[in-house]
N, C-alpha and C. Protein backbone atom coordinates (compact mmCIF):
# COMPACT_ATOMS: atom_id res chain seq x y z
N MET A 1 92.45 84.57 102.18
CA MET A 1 93.38 85.61 101.84
C MET A 1 94.75 85.25 102.39
N PRO A 2 95.75 85.04 101.55
CA PRO A 2 97.11 84.77 102.03
C PRO A 2 97.71 86.00 102.71
N PHE A 3 98.44 85.76 103.78
CA PHE A 3 99.07 86.84 104.54
C PHE A 3 100.49 86.42 104.87
N ALA A 4 101.48 87.17 104.38
CA ALA A 4 102.89 86.88 104.64
C ALA A 4 103.45 87.93 105.58
N GLN A 5 104.16 87.48 106.63
CA GLN A 5 104.84 88.37 107.56
C GLN A 5 106.33 88.14 107.43
N ILE A 6 107.08 89.19 107.20
CA ILE A 6 108.51 89.08 106.97
C ILE A 6 109.25 90.04 107.89
N SER A 7 110.22 89.52 108.63
CA SER A 7 111.06 90.36 109.47
C SER A 7 112.37 90.62 108.75
N ILE A 8 112.78 91.89 108.71
CA ILE A 8 114.04 92.27 108.08
C ILE A 8 114.77 93.24 109.00
N LEU A 9 116.09 93.27 108.87
CA LEU A 9 116.86 94.25 109.62
C LEU A 9 116.61 95.63 109.04
N GLU A 10 116.62 96.64 109.90
CA GLU A 10 116.42 98.02 109.47
C GLU A 10 117.52 98.44 108.49
N GLY A 11 117.21 99.47 107.72
CA GLY A 11 118.24 100.07 106.89
C GLY A 11 118.03 99.94 105.39
N ARG A 12 117.01 99.22 104.97
CA ARG A 12 116.76 99.11 103.54
C ARG A 12 115.91 100.28 103.06
N SER A 13 116.12 100.67 101.83
CA SER A 13 115.38 101.81 101.26
C SER A 13 113.92 101.44 101.05
N ASP A 14 113.09 102.47 100.92
CA ASP A 14 111.68 102.25 100.62
C ASP A 14 111.52 101.51 99.29
N GLU A 15 112.40 101.81 98.35
CA GLU A 15 112.34 101.14 97.05
C GLU A 15 112.60 99.64 97.18
N LYS A 16 113.58 99.27 97.99
CA LYS A 16 113.90 97.85 98.20
C LYS A 16 112.75 97.14 98.91
N LYS A 17 112.14 97.80 99.89
CA LYS A 17 111.01 97.19 100.59
C LYS A 17 109.82 97.01 99.65
N ALA A 18 109.58 97.99 98.79
CA ALA A 18 108.49 97.87 97.82
C ALA A 18 108.76 96.72 96.85
N GLU A 19 110.01 96.58 96.44
CA GLU A 19 110.39 95.47 95.55
C GLU A 19 110.16 94.13 96.23
N LEU A 20 110.52 94.02 97.49
CA LEU A 20 110.31 92.78 98.25
C LEU A 20 108.82 92.45 98.32
N ILE A 21 108.00 93.44 98.61
CA ILE A 21 106.55 93.22 98.68
C ILE A 21 106.03 92.72 97.33
N ARG A 22 106.48 93.34 96.24
CA ARG A 22 106.05 92.90 94.91
C ARG A 22 106.46 91.46 94.63
N GLU A 23 107.71 91.13 94.93
CA GLU A 23 108.23 89.79 94.64
C GLU A 23 107.54 88.72 95.48
N VAL A 24 107.30 89.01 96.76
CA VAL A 24 106.60 88.05 97.63
C VAL A 24 105.17 87.86 97.14
N THR A 25 104.52 88.95 96.77
CA THR A 25 103.17 88.86 96.22
C THR A 25 103.14 87.97 94.99
N GLU A 26 104.09 88.17 94.08
CA GLU A 26 104.15 87.36 92.86
C GLU A 26 104.38 85.88 93.19
N ALA A 27 105.27 85.60 94.15
CA ALA A 27 105.55 84.21 94.53
C ALA A 27 104.30 83.53 95.08
N ILE A 28 103.57 84.24 95.92
CA ILE A 28 102.34 83.67 96.48
C ILE A 28 101.30 83.48 95.37
N HIS A 29 101.20 84.45 94.51
CA HIS A 29 100.26 84.35 93.38
C HIS A 29 100.58 83.13 92.52
N ARG A 30 101.85 82.95 92.17
CA ARG A 30 102.25 81.81 91.33
C ARG A 30 102.04 80.48 92.04
N SER A 31 102.43 80.40 93.30
CA SER A 31 102.40 79.11 93.99
C SER A 31 101.00 78.71 94.47
N LEU A 32 100.18 79.66 94.86
CA LEU A 32 98.85 79.33 95.38
C LEU A 32 97.72 79.67 94.41
N GLY A 33 98.03 80.47 93.41
CA GLY A 33 96.99 80.90 92.48
C GLY A 33 96.06 81.95 93.06
N ALA A 34 96.45 82.54 94.17
CA ALA A 34 95.62 83.58 94.80
C ALA A 34 95.66 84.85 93.97
N PRO A 35 94.55 85.55 93.88
CA PRO A 35 94.57 86.83 93.17
C PRO A 35 95.47 87.83 93.90
N ARG A 36 96.25 88.58 93.15
CA ARG A 36 97.18 89.54 93.74
C ARG A 36 96.49 90.49 94.71
N GLU A 37 95.30 90.93 94.36
CA GLU A 37 94.61 91.92 95.21
C GLU A 37 94.15 91.33 96.55
N ALA A 38 94.19 90.01 96.69
CA ALA A 38 93.80 89.37 97.95
C ALA A 38 95.01 89.07 98.85
N ILE A 39 96.21 89.28 98.33
CA ILE A 39 97.44 88.93 99.06
C ILE A 39 97.89 90.11 99.90
N ARG A 40 98.23 89.82 101.15
CA ARG A 40 98.73 90.84 102.08
C ARG A 40 100.15 90.49 102.47
N VAL A 41 101.03 91.49 102.50
CA VAL A 41 102.42 91.30 102.91
C VAL A 41 102.74 92.36 103.96
N ALA A 42 103.24 91.94 105.11
CA ALA A 42 103.62 92.86 106.17
C ALA A 42 105.11 92.73 106.44
N LEU A 43 105.81 93.86 106.41
CA LEU A 43 107.23 93.87 106.73
C LEU A 43 107.41 94.43 108.14
N TYR A 44 108.23 93.76 108.91
CA TYR A 44 108.57 94.20 110.25
C TYR A 44 110.06 94.46 110.29
N GLU A 45 110.43 95.72 110.53
CA GLU A 45 111.84 96.07 110.60
C GLU A 45 112.34 95.92 112.04
N VAL A 46 113.42 95.20 112.17
CA VAL A 46 114.03 94.97 113.48
C VAL A 46 115.27 95.85 113.58
N LYS A 47 115.36 96.60 114.66
CA LYS A 47 116.54 97.45 114.86
C LYS A 47 117.78 96.58 115.01
N LYS A 48 118.89 97.07 114.51
CA LYS A 48 120.13 96.30 114.57
C LYS A 48 120.62 96.08 115.99
N THR A 49 120.15 96.93 116.91
CA THR A 49 120.51 96.74 118.33
C THR A 49 119.63 95.69 118.99
N GLU A 50 118.60 95.24 118.28
CA GLU A 50 117.67 94.25 118.84
C GLU A 50 117.76 92.91 118.12
N TRP A 51 118.83 92.70 117.36
CA TRP A 51 119.04 91.46 116.61
C TRP A 51 120.41 90.93 116.99
N GLY A 52 120.48 89.69 117.45
CA GLY A 52 121.75 89.12 117.86
C GLY A 52 122.26 88.05 116.93
N ILE A 53 123.57 88.05 116.74
CA ILE A 53 124.24 87.03 115.93
C ILE A 53 125.47 86.59 116.72
N GLY A 54 125.50 85.34 117.09
CA GLY A 54 126.67 84.82 117.81
C GLY A 54 126.97 85.53 119.11
N GLY A 55 125.93 86.02 119.79
CA GLY A 55 126.12 86.67 121.08
C GLY A 55 126.40 88.16 121.01
N GLU A 56 126.41 88.74 119.81
CA GLU A 56 126.63 90.17 119.62
C GLU A 56 125.47 90.77 118.85
N THR A 57 125.26 92.07 119.02
CA THR A 57 124.21 92.71 118.24
C THR A 57 124.68 92.88 116.79
N ALA A 58 123.71 92.92 115.91
CA ALA A 58 124.03 93.14 114.49
C ALA A 58 124.73 94.47 114.31
N LYS A 59 124.33 95.46 115.09
CA LYS A 59 124.98 96.78 115.00
C LYS A 59 126.45 96.70 115.34
N LYS A 60 126.77 96.02 116.43
CA LYS A 60 128.17 95.90 116.86
C LYS A 60 128.99 95.15 115.80
N LEU A 61 128.35 94.21 115.12
CA LEU A 61 129.05 93.44 114.09
C LEU A 61 129.09 94.15 112.75
N GLY A 62 128.42 95.30 112.67
CA GLY A 62 128.42 96.06 111.42
C GLY A 62 127.53 95.47 110.35
N ARG A 63 126.50 94.79 110.76
CA ARG A 63 125.60 94.14 109.79
C ARG A 63 124.37 94.96 109.53
């Protein structure tokens, strides 16, 4: 069973997250030939205060 773990910054809508899960599932299905129902995708949202870019938090940088 393929299992994809994806970290994203917080703030995306439920619709966008659902779209990402669908697209990743399709990519795995196409590339590995795995049945869609066997594919698992886990999204991990990272708070913008817990993500650093160039020594600053993503929140401070407005990202």
